[in-house]
Amino acid sequence: MVGAEGADLFLVYARTDPDAKPRDGLSAFIVERGPEVEVEYVYGLMGTRGGGTGRIHFREARVPAWNLVGPENGAVDVFHQMMIPERMTSAAGALGMARAALEIAARYANRRKAFGQKIRRFQGVSFKLAESITKLDAARMLVYGAARAVDGGDDPGRCRRLVSEAKRFATDTAWDVVNQAMQVLGGIGYTNIYPIERLLRDTRLIMIWTGTNEVMNLIIQHEYYQELLEGAGRVRDVEQDAAAADRAEEKIYE
């Protein structure tokens, strides 16, 4: 659990109805640290080392009923609500890390010289920077758009899709931009003279936590199909725009 090392309170999901479907039989609780709830091991991390990630051990821990968060067996709604700010924070944080790496690489390319000229003049370097700038701007607009949809009270399914898209695209972009920045700096970028190596370690985690980017893809396509197929006329069927759209006998699916 992230933050376990110094936390006094933990949000814990527990199965409270073993006969229900997995998502319908969970409840969320606030659990206090104490003799029955201990952090047994704190992990050494590749990056984001201030997180204090640890393994929690429960020894017949008893939790009072008033520590229940939301309704009993209603943890799925608590989880979905919590994941919105968590994933948006991951997406927005990725923008910051990518921006830092890009600025370091761009300044370096404007100072470092090879063959008598600044390396930013070489197409191999300038194109890496141009691609990173474009990806970062695209990711920023997606993150802002998702945040605007959430703040504006858009359809919950659409918000889940946009937040998942923002988290996946921004974190993948950050990883790409930081890698490109290290390539521009060359060997010195692999040292601790510049913070690129730390950014590389830190950005690797954000594609994993708050739901892996593979999970984000599952949510994206699921919510898209929900909107497309069950939108009750909200999405116009452009298939009918074809000149021979009425030839149903030519549309074979099996």
C-alpha atoms as a PDB file:
ATOM      1  CA  MET A   1       0.000   0.000   0.000  1.00  0.00           C
ATOM      2  CA  VAL A   2       1.349   3.423  -0.978  1.00  0.00           C
ATOM      3  CA  GLY A   3       1.911   5.611   2.096  1.00  0.00           C
ATOM      4  CA  ALA A   4       1.809   2.643   4.464  1.00  0.00           C
ATOM      5  CA  GLU A   5       5.086   3.535   6.167  1.00  0.00           C
ATOM      6  CA  GLY A   6       3.771   6.666   7.875  1.00  0.00           C
ATOM      7  CA  ALA A   7      -0.010   6.317   7.660  1.00  0.00           C
ATOM      8  CA  ASP A   8      -2.238   6.208  10.744  1.00  0.00           C
ATOM      9  CA  LEU A   9      -5.419   5.417   8.777  1.00  0.00           C
ATOM     10  CA  PHE A  10      -5.968   2.981   5.910  1.00  0.00           C
ATOM     11  CA  LEU A  11      -8.848   2.620   3.469  1.00  0.00           C
ATOM     12  CA  VAL A  12      -9.429  -1.118   3.205  1.00  0.00           C
ATOM     13  CA  TYR A  13     -11.752  -3.053   0.915  1.00  0.00           C
ATOM     14  CA  ALA A  14     -13.078  -6.285   2.412  1.00  0.00           C
ATOM     15  CA  ARG A  15     -15.450  -9.006   1.216  1.00  0.00           C
ATOM     16  CA  THR A  16     -18.594  -8.754   3.324  1.00  0.00           C
ATOM     17  CA  ASP A  17     -20.941 -10.902   1.229  1.00  0.00           C
ATOM     18  CA  PRO A  18     -19.189 -14.089   0.067  1.00  0.00           C
ATOM     19  CA  ASP A  19     -22.253 -15.207  -1.889  1.00  0.00           C
ATOM     20  CA  ALA A  20     -22.533 -12.097  -4.062  1.00  0.00           C
ATOM     21  CA  LYS A  21     -20.675 -11.424  -7.291  1.00  0.00           C
ATOM     22  CA  PRO A  22     -17.124 -10.179  -6.581  1.00  0.00           C
ATOM     23  CA  ARG A  23     -17.907  -6.524  -7.340  1.00  0.00           C
ATOM     24  CA  ASP A  24     -21.180  -6.588  -5.378  1.00  0.00           C
ATOM     25  CA  GLY A  25     -19.867  -8.185  -2.181  1.00  0.00           C
ATOM     26  CA  LEU A  26     -17.229  -5.659  -1.118  1.00  0.00           C
ATOM     27  CA  SER A  27     -17.379  -2.956   1.547  1.00  0.00           C
ATOM     28  CA  ALA A  28     -14.941  -0.135   2.269  1.00  0.00           C
ATOM     29  CA  PHE A  29     -13.671   0.625   5.783  1.00  0.00           C
ATOM     30  CA  ILE A  30     -11.416   3.135   7.496  1.00  0.00           C
ATOM     31  CA  VAL A  31      -8.984   1.042   9.549  1.00  0.00           C
ATOM     32  CA  GLU A  32      -6.732   2.558  12.209  1.00  0.00           C
ATOM     33  CA  ARG A  33      -3.127   1.579  12.695  1.00  0.00           C
ATOM     34  CA  GLY A  34      -2.525  -0.314  15.944  1.00  0.00           C
ATOM     35  CA  PRO A  35      -1.333  -3.589  17.474  1.00  0.00           C
ATOM     36  CA  GLU A  36      -3.713  -5.521  15.217  1.00  0.00           C
ATOM     37  CA  VAL A  37      -2.786  -3.566  12.082  1.00  0.00           C
ATOM     38  CA  GLU A  38       0.935  -3.276  11.381  1.00  0.00           C
ATOM     39  CA  VAL A  39       3.179  -2.479   8.452  1.00  0.00           C
ATOM     40  CA  GLU A  40       5.424  -5.534   8.333  1.00  0.00           C
ATOM     41  CA  TYR A  41       7.603  -4.614   5.371  1.00  0.00           C
ATOM     42  CA  VAL A  42       8.503  -1.374   3.574  1.00  0.00           C
ATOM     43  CA  TYR A  43       9.571  -1.937  -0.016  1.00  0.00           C
ATOM     44  CA  GLY A  44      12.614  -0.453  -1.674  1.00  0.00           C
ATOM     45  CA  LEU A  45      11.368   1.226  -4.851  1.00  0.00           C
ATOM     46  CA  MET A  46      12.955   1.890  -8.219  1.00  0.00           C
ATOM     47  CA  GLY A  47      11.541   5.434  -8.212  1.00  0.00           C
ATOM     48  CA  THR A  48       9.087   7.662  -6.299  1.00  0.00           C
ATOM     49  CA  ARG A  49      10.934   6.646  -3.181  1.00  0.00           C
ATOM     50  CA  GLY A  50       9.046   9.004  -0.902  1.00  0.00           C
ATOM     51  CA  GLY A  51       5.884   6.927  -1.236  1.00  0.00           C
ATOM     52  CA  GLY A  52       6.603   4.681   1.753  1.00  0.00           C
ATOM     53  CA  THR A  53       5.008   1.655   0.095  1.00  0.00           C
ATOM     54  CA  GLY A  54       4.591  -1.268   2.475  1.00  0.00           C
ATOM     55  CA  ARG A  55       2.816  -4.546   3.141  1.00  0.00           C
ATOM     56  CA  ILE A  56       0.143  -4.404   5.847  1.00  0.00           C
ATOM     57  CA  HIS A  57      -0.565  -7.331   8.159  1.00  0.00           C
ATOM     58  CA  PHE A  58      -3.887  -7.747   9.955  1.00  0.00           C
ATOM     59  CA  ARG A  59      -3.946  -9.812  13.172  1.00  0.00           C
ATOM     60  CA  GLU A  60      -7.603 -10.582  13.864  1.00  0.00           C
ATOM     61  CA  ALA A  61      -8.304  -6.868  13.495  1.00  0.00           C
ATOM     62  CA  ARG A  62     -11.779  -5.739  14.562  1.00  0.00           C
ATOM     63  CA  VAL A  63     -13.256  -2.672  12.880  1.00  0.00           C
ATOM     64  CA  PRO A  64     -16.295  -0.836  14.348  1.00  0.00           C
ATOM     65  CA  ALA A  65     -19.375  -0.536  12.160  1.00  0.00           C
ATOM     66  CA  TRP A  66     -19.167   3.269  12.111  1.00  0.00           C
ATOM     67  CA  ASN A  67     -15.881   2.987  10.184  1.00  0.00           C
ATOM     68  CA  LEU A  68     -17.838   1.767   7.157  1.00  0.00           C
ATOM     69  CA  VAL A  69     -17.455   4.094   4.156  1.00  0.00           C
ATOM     70  CA  GLY A  70     -20.632   4.249   2.112  1.00  0.00           C
ATOM     71  CA  PRO A  71     -23.247   1.484   2.230  1.00  0.00           C
ATOM     72  CA  GLU A  72     -22.468  -2.109   3.139  1.00  0.00           C
ATOM     73  CA  ASN A  73     -21.489  -4.093   0.009  1.00  0.00           C
ATOM     74  CA  GLY A  74     -21.277  -0.776  -1.853  1.00  0.00           C
ATOM     75  CA  ALA A  75     -17.510  -0.424  -2.139  1.00  0.00           C
ATOM     76  CA  VAL A  76     -17.579  -0.513  -5.927  1.00  0.00           C
ATOM     77  CA  ASP A  77     -19.159   2.950  -5.984  1.00  0.00           C
ATOM     78  CA  VAL A  78     -16.611   4.232  -3.465  1.00  0.00           C
ATOM     79  CA  PHE A  79     -13.814   2.821  -5.615  1.00  0.00           C
ATOM     80  CA  HIS A  80     -15.105   4.367  -8.837  1.00  0.00           C
ATOM     81  CA  GLN A  81     -15.434   7.769  -7.180  1.00  0.00           C
ATOM     82  CA  MET A  82     -11.958   7.579  -5.660  1.00  0.00           C
ATOM     83  CA  MET A  83     -10.352   6.581  -8.942  1.00  0.00           C
ATOM     84  CA  ILE A  84     -11.403   9.823 -10.649  1.00  0.00           C
ATOM     85  CA  PRO A  85      -9.096  12.138  -8.637  1.00  0.00           C
ATOM     86  CA  GLU A  86      -6.407   9.428  -8.344  1.00  0.00           C
ATOM     87  CA  ARG A  87      -6.195   8.862 -12.085  1.00  0.00           C
ATOM     88  CA  MET A  88      -6.510  12.541 -12.901  1.00  0.00           C
ATOM     89  CA  THR A  89      -3.644  13.219 -10.488  1.00  0.00           C
ATOM     90  CA  SER A  90      -1.554  10.576 -12.258  1.00  0.00           C
ATOM     91  CA  ALA A  91      -2.348  12.127 -15.633  1.00  0.00           C
ATOM     92  CA  ALA A  92      -1.639  15.692 -14.512  1.00  0.00           C
ATOM     93  CA  GLY A  93       1.544  14.646 -12.725  1.00  0.00           C
ATOM     94  CA  ALA A  94       2.726  12.965 -15.899  1.00  0.00           C
ATOM     95  CA  LEU A  95       2.401  16.274 -17.740  1.00  0.00           C
ATOM     96  CA  GLY A  96       4.666  17.934 -15.209  1.00  0.00           C
ATOM     97  CA  MET A  97       7.327  15.251 -15.427  1.00  0.00           C
ATOM     98  CA  ALA A  98       7.264  15.236 -19.223  1.00  0.00           C
ATOM     99  CA  ARG A  99       7.465  19.023 -19.352  1.00  0.00           C
ATOM    100  CA  ALA A 100      10.491  19.040 -17.040  1.00  0.00           C
ATOM    101  CA  ALA A 101      12.314  16.451 -19.143  1.00  0.00           C
ATOM    102  CA  LEU A 102      11.494  18.266 -22.385  1.00  0.00           C
ATOM    103  CA  GLU A 103      12.741  21.602 -21.078  1.00  0.00           C
ATOM    104  CA  ILE A 104      15.989  20.059 -19.855  1.00  0.00           C
ATOM    105  CA  ALA A 105      16.567  18.361 -23.215  1.00  0.00           C
ATOM    106  CA  ALA A 106      15.724  21.485 -25.214  1.00  0.00           C
ATOM    107  CA  ARG A 107      18.074  23.693 -23.183  1.00  0.00           C
ATOM    108  CA  TYR A 108      20.823  21.101 -23.429  1.00  0.00           C
ATOM    109  CA  ALA A 109      20.381  20.811 -27.208  1.00  0.00           C
ATOM    110  CA  ASN A 110      20.674  24.590 -27.464  1.00  0.00           C
ATOM    111  CA  ARG A 111      23.993  24.590 -25.564  1.00  0.00           C
ATOM    112  CA  ARG A 112      25.708  21.344 -26.567  1.00  0.00           C
ATOM    113  CA  LYS A 113      27.771  21.526 -29.718  1.00  0.00           C
ATOM    114  CA  ALA A 114      29.028  18.881 -32.118  1.00  0.00           C
ATOM    115  CA  PHE A 115      30.888  19.373 -35.386  1.00  0.00           C
ATOM    116  CA  GLY A 116      30.923  23.098 -34.782  1.00  0.00           C
ATOM    117  CA  GLN A 117      27.204  23.687 -34.269  1.00  0.00           C
ATOM    118  CA  LYS A 118      24.490  23.290 -31.673  1.00  0.00           C
ATOM    119  CA  ILE A 119      22.992  19.811 -31.740  1.00  0.00           C
ATOM    120  CA  ARG A 120      19.472  21.270 -31.985  1.00  0.00           C
ATOM    121  CA  ARG A 121      20.427  22.056 -35.603  1.00  0.00           C
ATOM    122  CA  PHE A 122      20.680  18.348 -36.396  1.00  0.00           C
ATOM    123  CA  GLN A 123      17.478  16.812 -37.695  1.00  0.00           C
ATOM    124  CA  GLY A 124      17.927  13.675 -35.576  1.00  0.00           C
ATOM    125  CA  VAL A 125      17.726  15.826 -32.429  1.00  0.00           C
ATOM    126  CA  SER A 126      15.260  18.479 -33.549  1.00  0.00           C
ATOM    127  CA  PHE A 127      12.720  15.884 -34.715  1.00  0.00           C
ATOM    128  CA  LYS A 128      12.845  14.131 -31.322  1.00  0.00           C
ATOM    129  CA  LEU A 129      12.083  17.435 -29.653  1.00  0.00           C
ATOM    130  CA  ALA A 130       9.300  18.268 -32.119  1.00  0.00           C
ATOM    131  CA  GLU A 131       7.651  14.891 -31.544  1.00  0.00           C
ATOM    132  CA  SER A 132       7.902  15.308 -27.773  1.00  0.00           C
ATOM    133  CA  ILE A 133       6.407  18.823 -27.922  1.00  0.00           C
ATOM    134  CA  THR A 134       3.467  17.589 -30.004  1.00  0.00           C
ATOM    135  CA  LYS A 135       2.750  14.577 -27.798  1.00  0.00           C
ATOM    136  CA  LEU A 136       2.931  16.678 -24.653  1.00  0.00           C
ATOM    137  CA  ASP A 137       0.532  19.300 -26.030  1.00  0.00           C
ATOM    138  CA  ALA A 138      -1.901  16.576 -27.128  1.00  0.00           C
ATOM    139  CA  ALA A 139      -1.734  14.920 -23.703  1.00  0.00           C
ATOM    140  CA  ARG A 140      -2.287  18.265 -21.974  1.00  0.00           C
ATOM    141  CA  MET A 141      -5.441  18.975 -23.970  1.00  0.00           C
ATOM    142  CA  LEU A 142      -6.818  15.509 -23.223  1.00  0.00           C
ATOM    143  CA  VAL A 143      -6.149  15.897 -19.497  1.00  0.00           C
ATOM    144  CA  TYR A 144      -7.769  19.349 -19.450  1.00  0.00           C
ATOM    145  CA  GLY A 145     -10.754  18.034 -21.404  1.00  0.00           C
ATOM    146  CA  ALA A 146     -11.254  15.123 -19.005  1.00  0.00           C
ATOM    147  CA  ALA A 147     -11.020  17.442 -15.990  1.00  0.00           C
ATOM    148  CA  ARG A 148     -13.563  19.797 -17.559  1.00  0.00           C
ATOM    149  CA  ALA A 149     -15.972  16.895 -18.155  1.00  0.00           C
ATOM    150  CA  VAL A 150     -15.675  15.761 -14.533  1.00  0.00           C
ATOM    151  CA  ASP A 151     -16.097  19.278 -13.129  1.00  0.00           C
ATOM    152  CA  GLY A 152     -19.053  19.888 -15.448  1.00  0.00           C
ATOM    153  CA  GLY A 153     -20.936  16.806 -14.263  1.00  0.00           C
ATOM    154  CA  ASP A 154     -20.830  14.996 -17.604  1.00  0.00           C
ATOM    155  CA  ASP A 155     -22.280  11.486 -17.990  1.00  0.00           C
ATOM    156  CA  PRO A 156     -20.465   9.183 -15.494  1.00  0.00           C
ATOM    157  CA  GLY A 157     -19.630   6.609 -18.169  1.00  0.00           C
ATOM    158  CA  ARG A 158     -18.179   9.254 -20.448  1.00  0.00           C
ATOM    159  CA  CYS A 159     -16.180  10.694 -17.543  1.00  0.00           C
ATOM    160  CA  ARG A 160     -14.757   7.253 -16.763  1.00  0.00           C
ATOM    161  CA  ARG A 161     -13.701   6.895 -20.400  1.00  0.00           C
ATOM    162  CA  LEU A 162     -12.122  10.343 -20.643  1.00  0.00           C
ATOM    163  CA  VAL A 163     -10.313   9.992 -17.318  1.00  0.00           C
ATOM    164  CA  SER A 164      -8.984   6.587 -18.402  1.00  0.00           C
ATOM    165  CA  GLU A 165      -7.887   8.018 -21.755  1.00  0.00           C
ATOM    166  CA  ALA A 166      -6.155  10.925 -20.031  1.00  0.00           C
ATOM    167  CA  LYS A 167      -4.362   8.681 -17.558  1.00  0.00           C
ATOM    168  CA  ARG A 168      -3.208   6.212 -20.190  1.00  0.00           C
ATOM    169  CA  PHE A 169      -2.169   8.712 -22.855  1.00  0.00           C
ATOM    170  CA  ALA A 170      -0.491  11.197 -20.506  1.00  0.00           C
ATOM    171  CA  THR A 171       1.535   8.562 -18.678  1.00  0.00           C
ATOM    172  CA  ASP A 172       2.580   6.806 -21.891  1.00  0.00           C
ATOM    173  CA  THR A 173       3.527  10.213 -23.290  1.00  0.00           C
ATOM    174  CA  ALA A 174       5.588  11.076 -20.223  1.00  0.00           C
ATOM    175  CA  TRP A 175       7.512   7.811 -20.557  1.00  0.00           C
ATOM    176  CA  ASP A 176       8.203   8.502 -24.251  1.00  0.00           C
ATOM    177  CA  VAL A 177       9.214  12.127 -23.686  1.00  0.00           C
ATOM    178  CA  VAL A 178      11.574  11.296 -20.813  1.00  0.00           C
ATOM    179  CA  ASN A 179      13.193   8.528 -22.857  1.00  0.00           C
ATOM    180  CA  GLN A 180      13.663  10.902 -25.779  1.00  0.00           C
ATOM    181  CA  ALA A 181      15.149  13.497 -23.444  1.00  0.00           C
ATOM    182  CA  MET A 182      17.695  10.992 -22.183  1.00  0.00           C
ATOM    183  CA  GLN A 183      18.550  10.131 -25.785  1.00  0.00           C
ATOM    184  CA  VAL A 184      19.166  13.813 -26.576  1.00  0.00           C
ATOM    185  CA  LEU A 185      21.462  14.211 -23.557  1.00  0.00           C
ATOM    186  CA  GLY A 186      23.312  11.010 -24.331  1.00  0.00           C
ATOM    187  CA  GLY A 187      25.531   9.450 -21.677  1.00  0.00           C
ATOM    188  CA  ILE A 188      25.405  12.429 -19.310  1.00  0.00           C
ATOM    189  CA  GLY A 189      21.636  11.979 -19.111  1.00  0.00           C
ATOM    190  CA  TYR A 190      22.200   8.565 -17.526  1.00  0.00           C
ATOM    191  CA  THR A 191      24.054  10.149 -14.605  1.00  0.00           C
ATOM    192  CA  ASN A 192      22.766  12.152 -11.670  1.00  0.00           C
ATOM    193  CA  ILE A 193      24.263  15.348 -13.075  1.00  0.00           C
ATOM    194  CA  TYR A 194      20.838  15.948 -14.643  1.00  0.00           C
ATOM    195  CA  PRO A 195      17.492  14.784 -13.167  1.00  0.00           C
ATOM    196  CA  ILE A 196      16.522  12.810 -16.293  1.00  0.00           C
ATOM    197  CA  GLU A 197      17.488   9.470 -14.747  1.00  0.00           C
ATOM    198  CA  ARG A 198      15.250  10.163 -11.750  1.00  0.00           C
ATOM    199  CA  LEU A 199      12.372  11.218 -13.991  1.00  0.00           C
ATOM    200  CA  LEU A 200      12.825   7.989 -15.946  1.00  0.00           C
ATOM    201  CA  ARG A 201      12.479   5.929 -12.782  1.00  0.00           C
ATOM    202  CA  ASP A 202       9.521   7.960 -11.548  1.00  0.00           C
ATOM    203  CA  THR A 203       7.566   7.911 -14.806  1.00  0.00           C
ATOM    204  CA  ARG A 204       7.782   4.123 -15.022  1.00  0.00           C
ATOM    205  CA  LEU A 205       5.482   3.762 -12.040  1.00  0.00           C
ATOM    206  CA  ILE A 206       2.680   6.016 -13.250  1.00  0.00           C
ATOM    207  CA  MET A 207       1.848   3.592 -16.054  1.00  0.00           C
ATOM    208  CA  ILE A 208       1.189   0.954 -13.373  1.00  0.00           C
ATOM    209  CA  TRP A 209      -0.433   2.540 -10.336  1.00  0.00           C
ATOM    210  CA  THR A 210      -4.070   3.667  -9.954  1.00  0.00           C
ATOM    211  CA  GLY A 211      -4.855   0.980 -12.544  1.00  0.00           C
ATOM    212  CA  THR A 212      -2.411  -0.200 -15.195  1.00  0.00           C
ATOM    213  CA  ASN A 213      -2.683   1.302 -18.646  1.00  0.00           C
ATOM    214  CA  GLU A 214      -3.930  -2.061 -19.895  1.00  0.00           C
ATOM    215  CA  VAL A 215      -6.851  -1.717 -17.459  1.00  0.00           C
ATOM    216  CA  MET A 216      -7.404   1.813 -18.786  1.00  0.00           C
ATOM    217  CA  ASN A 217      -7.758   0.330 -22.283  1.00  0.00           C
ATOM    218  CA  LEU A 218     -10.402  -2.097 -21.018  1.00  0.00           C
ATOM    219  CA  ILE A 219     -12.399   0.760 -19.475  1.00  0.00           C
ATOM    220  CA  ILE A 220     -12.032   2.962 -22.563  1.00  0.00           C
ATOM    221  CA  GLN A 221     -13.417   0.416 -25.005  1.00  0.00           C
ATOM    222  CA  HIS A 222     -16.118  -0.765 -22.570  1.00  0.00           C
ATOM    223  CA  GLU A 223     -17.494   2.724 -21.965  1.00  0.00           C
ATOM    224  CA  TYR A 224     -17.238   3.548 -25.668  1.00  0.00           C
ATOM    225  CA  TYR A 225     -19.334   0.506 -26.585  1.00  0.00           C
ATOM    226  CA  GLN A 226     -21.837   1.413 -23.878  1.00  0.00           C
ATOM    227  CA  GLU A 227     -22.244   4.853 -25.407  1.00  0.00           C
ATOM    228  CA  LEU A 228     -22.254   3.617 -28.996  1.00  0.00           C
ATOM    229  CA  LEU A 229     -24.595   0.633 -28.670  1.00  0.00           C
ATOM    230  CA  GLU A 230     -26.809   1.679 -25.774  1.00  0.00           C
ATOM    231  CA  GLY A 231     -26.929   5.417 -26.292  1.00  0.00           C
ATOM    232  CA  ALA A 232     -30.642   5.374 -27.176  1.00  0.00           C
ATOM    233  CA  GLY A 233     -30.241   7.426 -30.340  1.00  0.00           C
ATOM    234  CA  ARG A 234     -27.630   9.803 -28.940  1.00  0.00           C
ATOM    235  CA  VAL A 235     -25.086   8.511 -31.463  1.00  0.00           C
ATOM    236  CA  ARG A 236     -26.143   8.767 -35.120  1.00  0.00           C
ATOM    237  CA  ASP A 237     -25.518   5.627 -37.190  1.00  0.00           C
ATOM    238  CA  VAL A 238     -23.370   6.991 -40.040  1.00  0.00           C
ATOM    239  CA  GLU A 239     -23.398   3.570 -41.682  1.00  0.00           C
ATOM    240  CA  GLN A 240     -26.674   4.626 -43.281  1.00  0.00           C
ATOM    241  CA  ASP A 241     -24.884   7.381 -45.223  1.00  0.00           C
ATOM    242  CA  ALA A 242     -23.543   4.867 -47.754  1.00  0.00           C
ATOM    243  CA  ALA A 243     -25.231   4.962 -51.150  1.00  0.00           C
ATOM    244  CA  ALA A 244     -26.173   1.281 -50.948  1.00  0.00           C
ATOM    245  CA  ALA A 245     -26.794   1.155 -47.225  1.00  0.00           C
ATOM    246  CA  ASP A 246     -30.200  -0.449 -47.737  1.00  0.00           C
ATOM    247  CA  ARG A 247     -28.698  -3.609 -49.312  1.00  0.00           C
ATOM    248  CA  ALA A 248     -28.999  -5.645 -46.127  1.00  0.00           C
ATOM    249  CA  GLU A 249     -28.351  -8.915 -47.987  1.00  0.00           C
ATOM    250  CA  GLU A 250     -24.787  -7.765 -48.677  1.00  0.00           C
ATOM    251  CA  LYS A 251     -23.979  -7.233 -45.013  1.00  0.00           C
ATOM    252  CA  ILE A 252     -22.893 -10.652 -43.809  1.00  0.00           C
ATOM    253  CA  TYR A 253     -21.579 -11.003 -40.238  1.00  0.00           C
ATOM    254  CA  GLU A 254     -21.423 -14.768 -39.754  1.00  0.00           C
END
